[in-house]
Amino acid sequence: MIHINTKHQQGATLIELVLSMVIISIAVTGVLVVMLLTSRHSADPMVEHQAVAIAESYLEEIMLLPFNEDAANGQTGDVLEGVLGPDAGEVRGSFDDVNDYDTLADNVATDVNDAPIPGLGNYSVAVTVVNDGALGPAGQLVAAADAQLVTVTVSHTSGMSPIIISAYRTRY
């Protein structure tokens, strides 16, 4: 006759419980470390994205203006042509050509009228404009007087690498 054991094992041993707790704690620790690193660096992309948006808005503001005052007035041969920087008495709200933006330095991001933009006080912006004759294929370069390289640099107080974007503006 075959004897069937009717007793079934119930529960787990103490060793099994301790071992499962150790394994689960190691797995949870690994997940928490990844979450901590992710949350620590989650603001960086936002700061960079805002810096890019600021740089693009400054560059768009500049590139929408005429190459120089002559183009705005339909004239040629202005004595100020080729002189970089704002004309006497000009402020950002009255800049009328690309040249005027040379050496612009805003300690905080501002709008076109030089009013600080709320929430963007940690960003600083610097603009340079240079006459650049290195545009075009070899042998057919655009004259330096007919091409300007506009560079916008945006920095953040957090010490991130500055965002630098550039564009050419030509006389056309």
C-alpha atoms as a PDB file:
ATOM      1  CA  MET A   1       0.000   0.000   0.000  1.00  0.00           C
ATOM      2  CA  ILE A   2       1.197   3.467  -0.883  1.00  0.00           C
ATOM      3  CA  HIS A   3       1.127   6.058   1.798  1.00  0.00           C
ATOM      4  CA  ILE A   4       0.328   9.629   0.672  1.00  0.00           C
ATOM      5  CA  ASN A   5       1.611  12.412   2.853  1.00  0.00           C
ATOM      6  CA  THR A   6      -1.324  14.675   3.539  1.00  0.00           C
ATOM      7  CA  LYS A   7       0.773  17.298   5.261  1.00  0.00           C
ATOM      8  CA  HIS A   8       1.682  20.171   2.953  1.00  0.00           C
ATOM      9  CA  GLN A   9       4.411  22.655   3.741  1.00  0.00           C
ATOM     10  CA  GLN A  10       2.981  26.017   4.763  1.00  0.00           C
ATOM     11  CA  GLY A  11       4.927  29.360   4.618  1.00  0.00           C
ATOM     12  CA  ALA A  12       8.651  29.913   4.171  1.00  0.00           C
ATOM     13  CA  THR A  13      11.661  29.360   6.327  1.00  0.00           C
ATOM     14  CA  LEU A  14      13.449  32.180   8.095  1.00  0.00           C
ATOM     15  CA  ILE A  15      16.461  31.824   5.791  1.00  0.00           C
ATOM     16  CA  GLU A  16      14.245  32.162   2.703  1.00  0.00           C
ATOM     17  CA  LEU A  17      12.632  35.312   4.106  1.00  0.00           C
ATOM     18  CA  VAL A  18      15.947  36.967   4.933  1.00  0.00           C
ATOM     19  CA  LEU A  19      17.426  36.080   1.540  1.00  0.00           C
ATOM     20  CA  SER A  20      14.401  37.474  -0.352  1.00  0.00           C
ATOM     21  CA  MET A  21      14.554  40.697   1.700  1.00  0.00           C
ATOM     22  CA  VAL A  22      18.255  41.164   0.819  1.00  0.00           C
ATOM     23  CA  ILE A  23      17.613  40.597  -2.893  1.00  0.00           C
ATOM     24  CA  ILE A  24      14.652  42.992  -2.953  1.00  0.00           C
ATOM     25  CA  SER A  25      16.589  45.697  -1.061  1.00  0.00           C
ATOM     26  CA  ILE A  26      19.486  45.486  -3.540  1.00  0.00           C
ATOM     27  CA  ALA A  27      17.058  45.862  -6.475  1.00  0.00           C
ATOM     28  CA  VAL A  28      15.209  48.778  -4.871  1.00  0.00           C
ATOM     29  CA  THR A  29      18.511  50.516  -4.053  1.00  0.00           C
ATOM     30  CA  GLY A  30      19.575  50.270  -7.706  1.00  0.00           C
ATOM     31  CA  VAL A  31      16.302  51.763  -8.900  1.00  0.00           C
ATOM     32  CA  LEU A  32      16.475  54.604  -6.350  1.00  0.00           C
ATOM     33  CA  VAL A  33      20.044  55.490  -7.368  1.00  0.00           C
ATOM     34  CA  VAL A  34      18.950  55.813 -11.001  1.00  0.00           C
ATOM     35  CA  MET A  35      15.956  57.945  -9.989  1.00  0.00           C
ATOM     36  CA  LEU A  36      18.182  60.186  -7.865  1.00  0.00           C
ATOM     37  CA  LEU A  37      20.619  60.795 -10.726  1.00  0.00           C
ATOM     38  CA  THR A  38      17.772  61.456 -13.128  1.00  0.00           C
ATOM     39  CA  SER A  39      16.050  63.933 -10.836  1.00  0.00           C
ATOM     40  CA  ARG A  40      19.321  65.740 -10.090  1.00  0.00           C
ATOM     41  CA  HIS A  41      19.938  66.417 -13.778  1.00  0.00           C
ATOM     42  CA  SER A  42      16.345  66.874 -14.886  1.00  0.00           C
ATOM     43  CA  ALA A  43      16.569  70.688 -14.706  1.00  0.00           C
ATOM     44  CA  ASP A  44      19.635  70.883 -16.984  1.00  0.00           C
ATOM     45  CA  PRO A  45      17.727  70.280 -20.233  1.00  0.00           C
ATOM     46  CA  MET A  46      15.182  72.940 -19.282  1.00  0.00           C
ATOM     47  CA  VAL A  47      17.922  75.503 -18.592  1.00  0.00           C
ATOM     48  CA  GLU A  48      19.624  74.683 -21.907  1.00  0.00           C
ATOM     49  CA  HIS A  49      16.339  74.797 -23.797  1.00  0.00           C
ATOM     50  CA  GLN A  50      15.536  78.224 -22.349  1.00  0.00           C
ATOM     51  CA  ALA A  51      19.044  79.455 -23.227  1.00  0.00           C
ATOM     52  CA  VAL A  52      18.598  78.293 -26.825  1.00  0.00           C
ATOM     53  CA  ALA A  53      15.194  79.995 -27.008  1.00  0.00           C
ATOM     54  CA  ILE A  54      16.685  83.248 -25.671  1.00  0.00           C
ATOM     55  CA  ALA A  55      19.572  83.106 -28.156  1.00  0.00           C
ATOM     56  CA  GLU A  56      17.206  82.411 -31.043  1.00  0.00           C
ATOM     57  CA  SER A  57      14.913  85.291 -30.095  1.00  0.00           C
ATOM     58  CA  TYR A  58      17.824  87.756 -29.904  1.00  0.00           C
ATOM     59  CA  LEU A  59      19.178  86.497 -33.237  1.00  0.00           C
ATOM     60  CA  GLU A  60      15.765  86.756 -34.891  1.00  0.00           C
ATOM     61  CA  GLU A  61      15.339  90.300 -33.570  1.00  0.00           C
ATOM     62  CA  ILE A  62      18.707  91.259 -35.061  1.00  0.00           C
ATOM     63  CA  MET A  63      18.306  89.479 -38.395  1.00  0.00           C
ATOM     64  CA  LEU A  64      14.943  91.145 -39.086  1.00  0.00           C
ATOM     65  CA  LEU A  65      16.612  94.569 -39.227  1.00  0.00           C
ATOM     66  CA  PRO A  66      18.239  96.019 -42.345  1.00  0.00           C
ATOM     67  CA  PHE A  67      21.908  95.314 -43.023  1.00  0.00           C
ATOM     68  CA  ASN A  68      22.732  98.955 -42.312  1.00  0.00           C
ATOM     69  CA  GLU A  69      21.041 102.349 -42.085  1.00  0.00           C
ATOM     70  CA  ASP A  70      21.481 102.883 -45.813  1.00  0.00           C
ATOM     71  CA  ALA A  71      19.292  99.911 -46.613  1.00  0.00           C
ATOM     72  CA  ALA A  72      16.612 101.243 -44.249  1.00  0.00           C
ATOM     73  CA  ASN A  73      16.673 104.647 -45.945  1.00  0.00           C
ATOM     74  CA  GLY A  74      17.167 103.399 -49.498  1.00  0.00           C
ATOM     75  CA  GLN A  75      20.510 105.206 -49.685  1.00  0.00           C
ATOM     76  CA  THR A  76      24.076 104.158 -50.330  1.00  0.00           C
ATOM     77  CA  GLY A  77      27.400 105.534 -49.185  1.00  0.00           C
ATOM     78  CA  ASP A  78      26.521 106.410 -45.590  1.00  0.00           C
ATOM     79  CA  VAL A  79      29.571 107.539 -43.630  1.00  0.00           C
ATOM     80  CA  LEU A  80      28.459 105.288 -40.765  1.00  0.00           C
ATOM     81  CA  GLU A  81      28.499 102.206 -42.972  1.00  0.00           C
ATOM     82  CA  GLY A  82      30.888  99.607 -41.638  1.00  0.00           C
ATOM     83  CA  VAL A  83      31.052 101.233 -38.205  1.00  0.00           C
ATOM     84  CA  LEU A  84      29.970  98.661 -35.671  1.00  0.00           C
ATOM     85  CA  GLY A  85      28.046  99.436 -32.518  1.00  0.00           C
ATOM     86  CA  PRO A  86      25.113 101.707 -31.794  1.00  0.00           C
ATOM     87  CA  ASP A  87      25.057 105.249 -33.103  1.00  0.00           C
ATOM     88  CA  ALA A  88      25.296 108.085 -30.593  1.00  0.00           C
ATOM     89  CA  GLY A  89      22.218 108.163 -28.375  1.00  0.00           C
ATOM     90  CA  GLU A  90      20.778 104.884 -29.622  1.00  0.00           C
ATOM     91  CA  VAL A  91      19.457 102.347 -27.137  1.00  0.00           C
ATOM     92  CA  ARG A  92      18.271  98.857 -27.865  1.00  0.00           C
ATOM     93  CA  GLY A  93      14.664  99.882 -28.426  1.00  0.00           C
ATOM     94  CA  SER A  94      15.768 102.266 -31.195  1.00  0.00           C
ATOM     95  CA  PHE A  95      18.378 100.088 -32.931  1.00  0.00           C
ATOM     96  CA  ASP A  96      17.716 100.397 -36.674  1.00  0.00           C
ATOM     97  CA  ASP A  97      20.293  98.081 -38.234  1.00  0.00           C
ATOM     98  CA  VAL A  98      22.381  94.983 -37.533  1.00  0.00           C
ATOM     99  CA  ASN A  99      25.544  96.995 -36.782  1.00  0.00           C
ATOM    100  CA  ASP A 100      23.931  98.557 -33.711  1.00  0.00           C
ATOM    101  CA  TYR A 101      23.927  95.260 -31.820  1.00  0.00           C
ATOM    102  CA  ASP A 102      27.711  94.897 -31.738  1.00  0.00           C
ATOM    103  CA  THR A 103      28.998  94.654 -28.147  1.00  0.00           C
ATOM    104  CA  LEU A 104      25.472  94.404 -26.706  1.00  0.00           C
ATOM    105  CA  ALA A 105      25.773  92.884 -23.228  1.00  0.00           C
ATOM    106  CA  ASP A 106      22.660  92.231 -21.154  1.00  0.00           C
ATOM    107  CA  ASN A 107      23.243  90.989 -17.597  1.00  0.00           C
ATOM    108  CA  VAL A 108      19.718  89.555 -17.671  1.00  0.00           C
ATOM    109  CA  ALA A 109      17.624  88.485 -20.638  1.00  0.00           C
ATOM    110  CA  THR A 110      15.541  91.434 -21.796  1.00  0.00           C
ATOM    111  CA  ASP A 111      12.907  92.140 -24.391  1.00  0.00           C
ATOM    112  CA  VAL A 112      13.396  94.441 -27.372  1.00  0.00           C
ATOM    113  CA  ASN A 113      12.672  97.487 -25.182  1.00  0.00           C
ATOM    114  CA  ASP A 114      15.370  96.492 -22.661  1.00  0.00           C
ATOM    115  CA  ALA A 115      12.841  95.438 -19.998  1.00  0.00           C
ATOM    116  CA  PRO A 116      13.927  92.343 -18.024  1.00  0.00           C
ATOM    117  CA  ILE A 117      11.914  89.232 -18.839  1.00  0.00           C
ATOM    118  CA  PRO A 118      10.371  87.771 -15.654  1.00  0.00           C
ATOM    119  CA  GLY A 119      11.820  84.387 -14.706  1.00  0.00           C
ATOM    120  CA  LEU A 120      14.896  84.736 -16.918  1.00  0.00           C
ATOM    121  CA  GLY A 121      17.065  86.806 -14.581  1.00  0.00           C
ATOM    122  CA  ASN A 122      19.733  84.084 -14.359  1.00  0.00           C
ATOM    123  CA  TYR A 123      20.606  84.355 -18.049  1.00  0.00           C
ATOM    124  CA  SER A 124      23.064  86.849 -19.504  1.00  0.00           C
ATOM    125  CA  VAL A 125      23.356  87.644 -23.202  1.00  0.00           C
ATOM    126  CA  ALA A 126      26.267  88.983 -25.255  1.00  0.00           C
ATOM    127  CA  VAL A 127      26.137  89.881 -28.945  1.00  0.00           C
ATOM    128  CA  THR A 128      28.987  90.529 -31.357  1.00  0.00           C
ATOM    129  CA  VAL A 129      28.789  91.649 -34.968  1.00  0.00           C
ATOM    130  CA  VAL A 130      31.839  91.472 -37.219  1.00  0.00           C
ATOM    131  CA  ASN A 131      32.357  92.246 -40.880  1.00  0.00           C
ATOM    132  CA  ASP A 132      33.325  88.887 -42.343  1.00  0.00           C
ATOM    133  CA  GLY A 133      34.579  88.271 -45.847  1.00  0.00           C
ATOM    134  CA  ALA A 134      34.885  84.503 -45.412  1.00  0.00           C
ATOM    135  CA  LEU A 135      31.416  83.754 -46.757  1.00  0.00           C
ATOM    136  CA  GLY A 136      31.073  81.967 -50.081  1.00  0.00           C
ATOM    137  CA  PRO A 137      33.021  79.476 -52.185  1.00  0.00           C
ATOM    138  CA  ALA A 138      36.749  79.929 -52.842  1.00  0.00           C
ATOM    139  CA  GLY A 139      37.369  82.592 -55.440  1.00  0.00           C
ATOM    140  CA  GLN A 140      33.869  84.030 -55.050  1.00  0.00           C
ATOM    141  CA  LEU A 141      33.905  85.302 -51.486  1.00  0.00           C
ATOM    142  CA  VAL A 142      31.482  88.013 -50.454  1.00  0.00           C
ATOM    143  CA  ALA A 143      33.309  91.247 -49.646  1.00  0.00           C
ATOM    144  CA  ALA A 144      33.770  91.844 -45.913  1.00  0.00           C
ATOM    145  CA  ALA A 145      31.794  95.085 -46.222  1.00  0.00           C
ATOM    146  CA  ASP A 146      28.840  93.093 -47.578  1.00  0.00           C
ATOM    147  CA  ALA A 147      28.662  90.325 -44.934  1.00  0.00           C
ATOM    148  CA  GLN A 148      28.326  90.442 -41.177  1.00  0.00           C
ATOM    149  CA  LEU A 149      28.646  87.520 -38.785  1.00  0.00           C
ATOM    150  CA  VAL A 150      26.266  87.939 -35.835  1.00  0.00           C
ATOM    151  CA  THR A 151      27.064  85.803 -32.774  1.00  0.00           C
ATOM    152  CA  VAL A 152      24.761  85.545 -29.760  1.00  0.00           C
ATOM    153  CA  THR A 153      26.113  83.977 -26.552  1.00  0.00           C
ATOM    154  CA  VAL A 154      23.766  83.087 -23.686  1.00  0.00           C
ATOM    155  CA  SER A 155      25.136  82.078 -20.276  1.00  0.00           C
ATOM    156  CA  HIS A 156      23.417  80.888 -17.094  1.00  0.00           C
ATOM    157  CA  THR A 157      24.471  81.503 -13.507  1.00  0.00           C
ATOM    158  CA  SER A 158      24.547  77.726 -12.902  1.00  0.00           C
ATOM    159  CA  GLY A 159      27.845  77.566 -14.783  1.00  0.00           C
ATOM    160  CA  MET A 160      26.544  75.507 -17.714  1.00  0.00           C
ATOM    161  CA  SER A 161      28.448  75.783 -20.975  1.00  0.00           C
ATOM    162  CA  PRO A 162      27.313  78.908 -22.813  1.00  0.00           C
ATOM    163  CA  ILE A 163      24.955  78.520 -25.768  1.00  0.00           C
ATOM    164  CA  ILE A 164      26.449  80.184 -28.844  1.00  0.00           C
ATOM    165  CA  ILE A 165      24.577  80.624 -32.112  1.00  0.00           C
ATOM    166  CA  SER A 166      25.701  82.565 -35.163  1.00  0.00           C
ATOM    167  CA  ALA A 167      24.266  83.694 -38.465  1.00  0.00           C
ATOM    168  CA  TYR A 168      25.409  85.702 -41.446  1.00  0.00           C
ATOM    169  CA  ARG A 169      23.600  88.833 -42.593  1.00  0.00           C
ATOM    170  CA  THR A 170      24.460  90.030 -46.062  1.00  0.00           C
ATOM    171  CA  ARG A 171      23.697  93.116 -48.054  1.00  0.00           C
ATOM    172  CA  TYR A 172      21.153  92.077 -50.636  1.00  0.00           C
END
